[in-house]
Amino acid sequence: MNILNRFTLTWVSLIVLTLASAVIAEAGDPSALAVIFVGVVTTIKGNLVIDQLMGYAG
């Protein structure tokens, strides 16, 4: 995959995950499921940044 396409796909993924977690977090009463979802999304986003954008993939 072209490096520009990889960065674009990573960036779009980060934006979509951010929007999804914001919608879930702002949608009414916080529940355990919403908190877990936002935590999982945060972990996925951190892994994307480290692996794809910082180049520390193993």
PDB file of N, CA and C in Angstrom:
ATOM      1  N   MET A   1       0.838  -1.172   0.000  1.00  0.00           N
ATOM      2  CA  MET A   1       0.000   0.000   0.000  1.00  0.00           C
ATOM      3  C   MET A   1       0.889   1.244   0.000  1.00  0.00           C
ATOM      4  N   ASN A   2       0.511   2.182  -0.783  1.00  0.00           N
ATOM      5  CA  ASN A   2       1.214   3.450  -0.875  1.00  0.00           C
ATOM      6  C   ASN A   2       1.198   4.134   0.499  1.00  0.00           C
ATOM      7  N   ILE A   3       2.308   4.779   0.854  1.00  0.00           N
ATOM      8  CA  ILE A   3       2.420   5.406   2.180  1.00  0.00           C
ATOM      9  C   ILE A   3       1.380   6.517   2.367  1.00  0.00           C
ATOM     10  N   LEU A   4       1.057   7.248   1.295  1.00  0.00           N
ATOM     11  CA  LEU A   4       0.045   8.301   1.392  1.00  0.00           C
ATOM     12  C   LEU A   4      -1.323   7.689   1.669  1.00  0.00           C
ATOM     13  N   ASN A   5      -1.640   6.580   1.009  1.00  0.00           N
ATOM     14  CA  ASN A   5      -2.909   5.905   1.245  1.00  0.00           C
ATOM     15  C   ASN A   5      -2.980   5.370   2.670  1.00  0.00           C
ATOM     16  N   ARG A   6      -1.866   4.850   3.189  1.00  0.00           N
ATOM     17  CA  ARG A   6      -1.834   4.323   4.551  1.00  0.00           C
ATOM     18  C   ARG A   6      -2.089   5.438   5.561  1.00  0.00           C
ATOM     19  N   PHE A   7      -1.446   6.581   5.369  1.00  0.00           N
ATOM     20  CA  PHE A   7      -1.653   7.704   6.280  1.00  0.00           C
ATOM     21  C   PHE A   7      -3.084   8.238   6.179  1.00  0.00           C
ATOM     22  N   THR A   8      -3.613   8.303   4.973  1.00  0.00           N
ATOM     23  CA  THR A   8      -4.982   8.783   4.786  1.00  0.00           C
ATOM     24  C   THR A   8      -5.978   7.836   5.450  1.00  0.00           C
ATOM     25  N   LEU A   9      -5.804   6.547   5.260  1.00  0.00           N
ATOM     26  CA  LEU A   9      -6.683   5.568   5.879  1.00  0.00           C
ATOM     27  C   LEU A   9      -6.593   5.631   7.407  1.00  0.00           C
ATOM     28  N   THR A  10      -5.397   5.786   7.925  1.00  0.00           N
ATOM     29  CA  THR A  10      -5.212   5.903   9.373  1.00  0.00           C
ATOM     30  C   THR A  10      -5.884   7.162   9.895  1.00  0.00           C
ATOM     31  N   TRP A  11      -5.703   8.272   9.207  1.00  0.00           N
ATOM     32  CA  TRP A  11      -6.293   9.538   9.630  1.00  0.00           C
ATOM     33  C   TRP A  11      -7.817   9.459   9.615  1.00  0.00           C
ATOM     34  N   VAL A  12      -8.383   8.909   8.553  1.00  0.00           N
ATOM     35  CA  VAL A  12      -9.836   8.772   8.457  1.00  0.00           C
ATOM     36  C   VAL A  12     -10.345   7.845   9.566  1.00  0.00           C
ATOM     37  N   SER A  13      -9.626   6.772   9.835  1.00  0.00           N
ATOM     38  CA  SER A  13     -10.014   5.854  10.909  1.00  0.00           C
ATOM     39  C   SER A  13     -10.017   6.562  12.254  1.00  0.00           C
ATOM     40  N   LEU A  14      -9.008   7.376  12.515  1.00  0.00           N
ATOM     41  CA  LEU A  14      -8.950   8.127  13.773  1.00  0.00           C
ATOM     42  C   LEU A  14     -10.122   9.096  13.898  1.00  0.00           C
ATOM     43  N   ILE A  15     -10.473   9.762  12.810  1.00  0.00           N
ATOM     44  CA  ILE A  15     -11.598  10.700  12.826  1.00  0.00           C
ATOM     45  C   ILE A  15     -12.913   9.962  13.088  1.00  0.00           C
ATOM     46  N   VAL A  16     -13.122   8.833  12.402  1.00  0.00           N
ATOM     47  CA  VAL A  16     -14.356   8.064  12.573  1.00  0.00           C
ATOM     48  C   VAL A  16     -14.465   7.532  14.004  1.00  0.00           C
ATOM     49  N   LEU A  17     -13.361   7.006  14.525  1.00  0.00           N
ATOM     50  CA  LEU A  17     -13.381   6.499  15.898  1.00  0.00           C
ATOM     51  C   LEU A  17     -13.641   7.617  16.906  1.00  0.00           C
ATOM     52  N   THR A  18     -13.070   8.793  16.666  1.00  0.00           N
ATOM     53  CA  THR A  18     -13.298   9.931  17.551  1.00  0.00           C
ATOM     54  C   THR A  18     -14.759  10.351  17.526  1.00  0.00           C
ATOM     55  N   LEU A  19     -15.334  10.433  16.334  1.00  0.00           N
ATOM     56  CA  LEU A  19     -16.738  10.817  16.225  1.00  0.00           C
ATOM     57  C   LEU A  19     -17.655   9.779  16.874  1.00  0.00           C
ATOM     58  N   ALA A  20     -17.340   8.504  16.676  1.00  0.00           N
ATOM     59  CA  ALA A  20     -18.155   7.442  17.274  1.00  0.00           C
ATOM     60  C   ALA A  20     -18.110   7.509  18.794  1.00  0.00           C
ATOM     61  N   SER A  21     -16.938   7.706  19.349  1.00  0.00           N
ATOM     62  CA  SER A  21     -16.834   7.767  20.806  1.00  0.00           C
ATOM     63  C   SER A  21     -17.491   9.035  21.351  1.00  0.00           C
ATOM     64  N   ALA A  22     -17.417  10.134  20.623  1.00  0.00           N
ATOM     65  CA  ALA A  22     -18.069  11.371  21.065  1.00  0.00           C
ATOM     66  C   ALA A  22     -19.585  11.220  21.055  1.00  0.00           C
ATOM     67  N   VAL A  23     -20.113  10.585  20.024  1.00  0.00           N
ATOM     68  CA  VAL A  23     -21.564  10.372  19.942  1.00  0.00           C
ATOM     69  C   VAL A  23     -22.033   9.476  21.074  1.00  0.00           C
ATOM     70  N   ILE A  24     -21.317   8.400  21.330  1.00  0.00           N
ATOM     71  CA  ILE A  24     -21.690   7.481  22.408  1.00  0.00           C
ATOM     72  C   ILE A  24     -21.572   8.178  23.767  1.00  0.00           C
ATOM     73  N   ALA A  25     -20.507   8.937  23.957  1.00  0.00           N
ATOM     74  CA  ALA A  25     -20.281   9.594  25.246  1.00  0.00           C
ATOM     75  C   ALA A  25     -21.323  10.683  25.531  1.00  0.00           C
ATOM     76  N   GLU A  26     -21.825  11.337  24.508  1.00  0.00           N
ATOM     77  CA  GLU A  26     -22.768  12.434  24.691  1.00  0.00           C
ATOM     78  C   GLU A  26     -24.225  11.989  24.600  1.00  0.00           C
ATOM     79  N   ALA A  27     -24.478  10.721  24.367  1.00  0.00           N
ATOM     80  CA  ALA A  27     -25.841  10.239  24.122  1.00  0.00           C
ATOM     81  C   ALA A  27     -26.527   9.821  25.423  1.00  0.00           C
ATOM     82  N   GLY A  28     -26.819  10.755  26.280  1.00  0.00           N
ATOM     83  CA  GLY A  28     -27.605  10.455  27.462  1.00  0.00           C
ATOM     84  C   GLY A  28     -26.773  10.061  28.661  1.00  0.00           C
ATOM     85  N   ASP A  29     -27.392   9.234  29.501  1.00  0.00           N
ATOM     86  CA  ASP A  29     -26.764   8.804  30.746  1.00  0.00           C
ATOM     87  C   ASP A  29     -25.566   7.889  30.487  1.00  0.00           C
ATOM     88  N   PRO A  30     -24.479   8.139  31.194  1.00  0.00           N
ATOM     89  CA  PRO A  30     -23.323   7.257  31.027  1.00  0.00           C
ATOM     90  C   PRO A  30     -23.601   5.883  31.632  1.00  0.00           C
ATOM     91  N   SER A  31     -23.331   4.868  30.861  1.00  0.00           N
ATOM     92  CA  SER A  31     -23.495   3.508  31.359  1.00  0.00           C
ATOM     93  C   SER A  31     -22.133   2.824  31.327  1.00  0.00           C
ATOM     94  N   ALA A  32     -22.056   1.685  31.948  1.00  0.00           N
ATOM     95  CA  ALA A  32     -20.793   0.937  31.958  1.00  0.00           C
ATOM     96  C   ALA A  32     -20.392   0.560  30.536  1.00  0.00           C
ATOM     97  N   LEU A  33     -21.376   0.206  29.706  1.00  0.00           N
ATOM     98  CA  LEU A  33     -21.080  -0.173  28.322  1.00  0.00           C
ATOM     99  C   LEU A  33     -20.492   1.009  27.538  1.00  0.00           C
ATOM    100  N   ALA A  34     -21.029   2.206  27.751  1.00  0.00           N
ATOM    101  CA  ALA A  34     -20.509   3.392  27.064  1.00  0.00           C
ATOM    102  C   ALA A  34     -19.086   3.691  27.508  1.00  0.00           C
ATOM    103  N   VAL A  35     -18.821   3.570  28.784  1.00  0.00           N
ATOM    104  CA  VAL A  35     -17.478   3.817  29.304  1.00  0.00           C
ATOM    105  C   VAL A  35     -16.490   2.798  28.748  1.00  0.00           C
ATOM    106  N   ILE A  36     -16.897   1.545  28.710  1.00  0.00           N
ATOM    107  CA  ILE A  36     -16.032   0.495  28.156  1.00  0.00           C
ATOM    108  C   ILE A  36     -15.783   0.739  26.671  1.00  0.00           C
ATOM    109  N   PHE A  37     -16.830   1.118  25.932  1.00  0.00           N
ATOM    110  CA  PHE A  37     -16.679   1.395  24.505  1.00  0.00           C
ATOM    111  C   PHE A  37     -15.684   2.524  24.255  1.00  0.00           C
ATOM    112  N   VAL A  38     -15.840   3.615  24.993  1.00  0.00           N
ATOM    113  CA  VAL A  38     -14.932   4.758  24.812  1.00  0.00           C
ATOM    114  C   VAL A  38     -13.502   4.363  25.196  1.00  0.00           C
ATOM    115  N   GLY A  39     -13.345   3.560  26.234  1.00  0.00           N
ATOM    116  CA  GLY A  39     -12.008   3.089  26.614  1.00  0.00           C
ATOM    117  C   GLY A  39     -11.374   2.210  25.550  1.00  0.00           C
ATOM    118  N   VAL A  40     -12.167   1.332  24.963  1.00  0.00           N
ATOM    119  CA  VAL A  40     -11.647   0.466  23.890  1.00  0.00           C
ATOM    120  C   VAL A  40     -11.273   1.299  22.670  1.00  0.00           C
ATOM    121  N   VAL A  41     -12.113   2.263  22.324  1.00  0.00           N
ATOM    122  CA  VAL A  41     -11.820   3.137  21.184  1.00  0.00           C
ATOM    123  C   VAL A  41     -10.531   3.923  21.431  1.00  0.00           C
ATOM    124  N   THR A  42     -10.346   4.404  22.642  1.00  0.00           N
ATOM    125  CA  THR A  42      -9.122   5.140  22.981  1.00  0.00           C
ATOM    126  C   THR A  42      -7.893   4.248  22.831  1.00  0.00           C
ATOM    127  N   THR A  43      -8.006   3.010  23.249  1.00  0.00           N
ATOM    128  CA  THR A  43      -6.896   2.059  23.103  1.00  0.00           C
ATOM    129  C   THR A  43      -6.588   1.800  21.630  1.00  0.00           C
ATOM    130  N   ILE A  44      -7.621   1.602  20.841  1.00  0.00           N
ATOM    131  CA  ILE A  44      -7.432   1.358  19.400  1.00  0.00           C
ATOM    132  C   ILE A  44      -6.775   2.566  18.744  1.00  0.00           C
ATOM    133  N   LYS A  45      -7.240   3.767  19.095  1.00  0.00           N
ATOM    134  CA  LYS A  45      -6.650   4.974  18.517  1.00  0.00           C
ATOM    135  C   LYS A  45      -5.176   5.122  18.906  1.00  0.00           C
ATOM    136  N   GLY A  46      -4.855   4.826  20.150  1.00  0.00           N
ATOM    137  CA  GLY A  46      -3.458   4.887  20.577  1.00  0.00           C
ATOM    138  C   GLY A  46      -2.590   3.917  19.803  1.00  0.00           C
ATOM    139  N   ASN A  47      -3.108   2.702  19.599  1.00  0.00           N
ATOM    140  CA  ASN A  47      -2.349   1.717  18.820  1.00  0.00           C
ATOM    141  C   ASN A  47      -2.169   2.162  17.372  1.00  0.00           C
ATOM    142  N   LEU A  48      -3.197   2.758  16.784  1.00  0.00           N
ATOM    143  CA  LEU A  48      -3.069   3.253  15.414  1.00  0.00           C
ATOM    144  C   LEU A  48      -1.997   4.330  15.311  1.00  0.00           C
ATOM    145  N   VAL A  49      -2.001   5.247  16.241  1.00  0.00           N
ATOM    146  CA  VAL A  49      -1.006   6.326  16.214  1.00  0.00           C
ATOM    147  C   VAL A  49       0.403   5.758  16.360  1.00  0.00           C
ATOM    148  N   ILE A  50       0.582   4.869  17.323  1.00  0.00           N
ATOM    149  CA  ILE A  50       1.916   4.308  17.559  1.00  0.00           C
ATOM    150  C   ILE A  50       2.369   3.463  16.382  1.00  0.00           C
ATOM    151  N   ASP A  51       1.516   2.563  15.910  1.00  0.00           N
ATOM    152  CA  ASP A  51       1.909   1.634  14.849  1.00  0.00           C
ATOM    153  C   ASP A  51       2.020   2.291  13.482  1.00  0.00           C
ATOM    154  N   GLN A  52       1.056   3.118  13.128  1.00  0.00           N
ATOM    155  CA  GLN A  52       0.985   3.639  11.759  1.00  0.00           C
ATOM    156  C   GLN A  52       1.691   4.987  11.587  1.00  0.00           C
ATOM    157  N   LEU A  53       1.492   5.887  12.531  1.00  0.00           N
ATOM    158  CA  LEU A  53       2.015   7.242  12.346  1.00  0.00           C
ATOM    159  C   LEU A  53       3.406   7.441  12.921  1.00  0.00           C
ATOM    160  N   MET A  54       3.733   6.717  14.004  1.00  0.00           N
ATOM    161  CA  MET A  54       5.044   6.875  14.608  1.00  0.00           C
ATOM    162  C   MET A  54       6.042   5.817  14.110  1.00  0.00           C
ATOM    163  N   GLY A  55       5.549   4.800  13.449  1.00  0.00           N
ATOM    164  CA  GLY A  55       6.423   3.797  12.851  1.00  0.00           C
ATOM    165  C   GLY A  55       7.018   2.804  13.816  1.00  0.00           C
ATOM    166  N   TYR A  56       6.330   2.534  14.924  1.00  0.00           N
ATOM    167  CA  TYR A  56       6.865   1.574  15.899  1.00  0.00           C
ATOM    168  C   TYR A  56       6.241   0.196  15.774  1.00  0.00           C
ATOM    169  N   ALA A  57       5.689  -0.120  14.631  1.00  0.00           N
ATOM    170  CA  ALA A  57       5.064  -1.434  14.436  1.00  0.00           C
ATOM    171  C   ALA A  57       6.123  -2.523  14.551  1.00  0.00           C
ATOM    172  N   GLY A  58       5.745  -3.583  15.215  1.00  0.00           N
ATOM    173  CA  GLY A  58       6.699  -4.652  15.476  1.00  0.00           C
ATOM    174  C   GLY A  58       6.756  -5.725  14.480  1.00  0.00           C
TER     175      GLY A  58
END
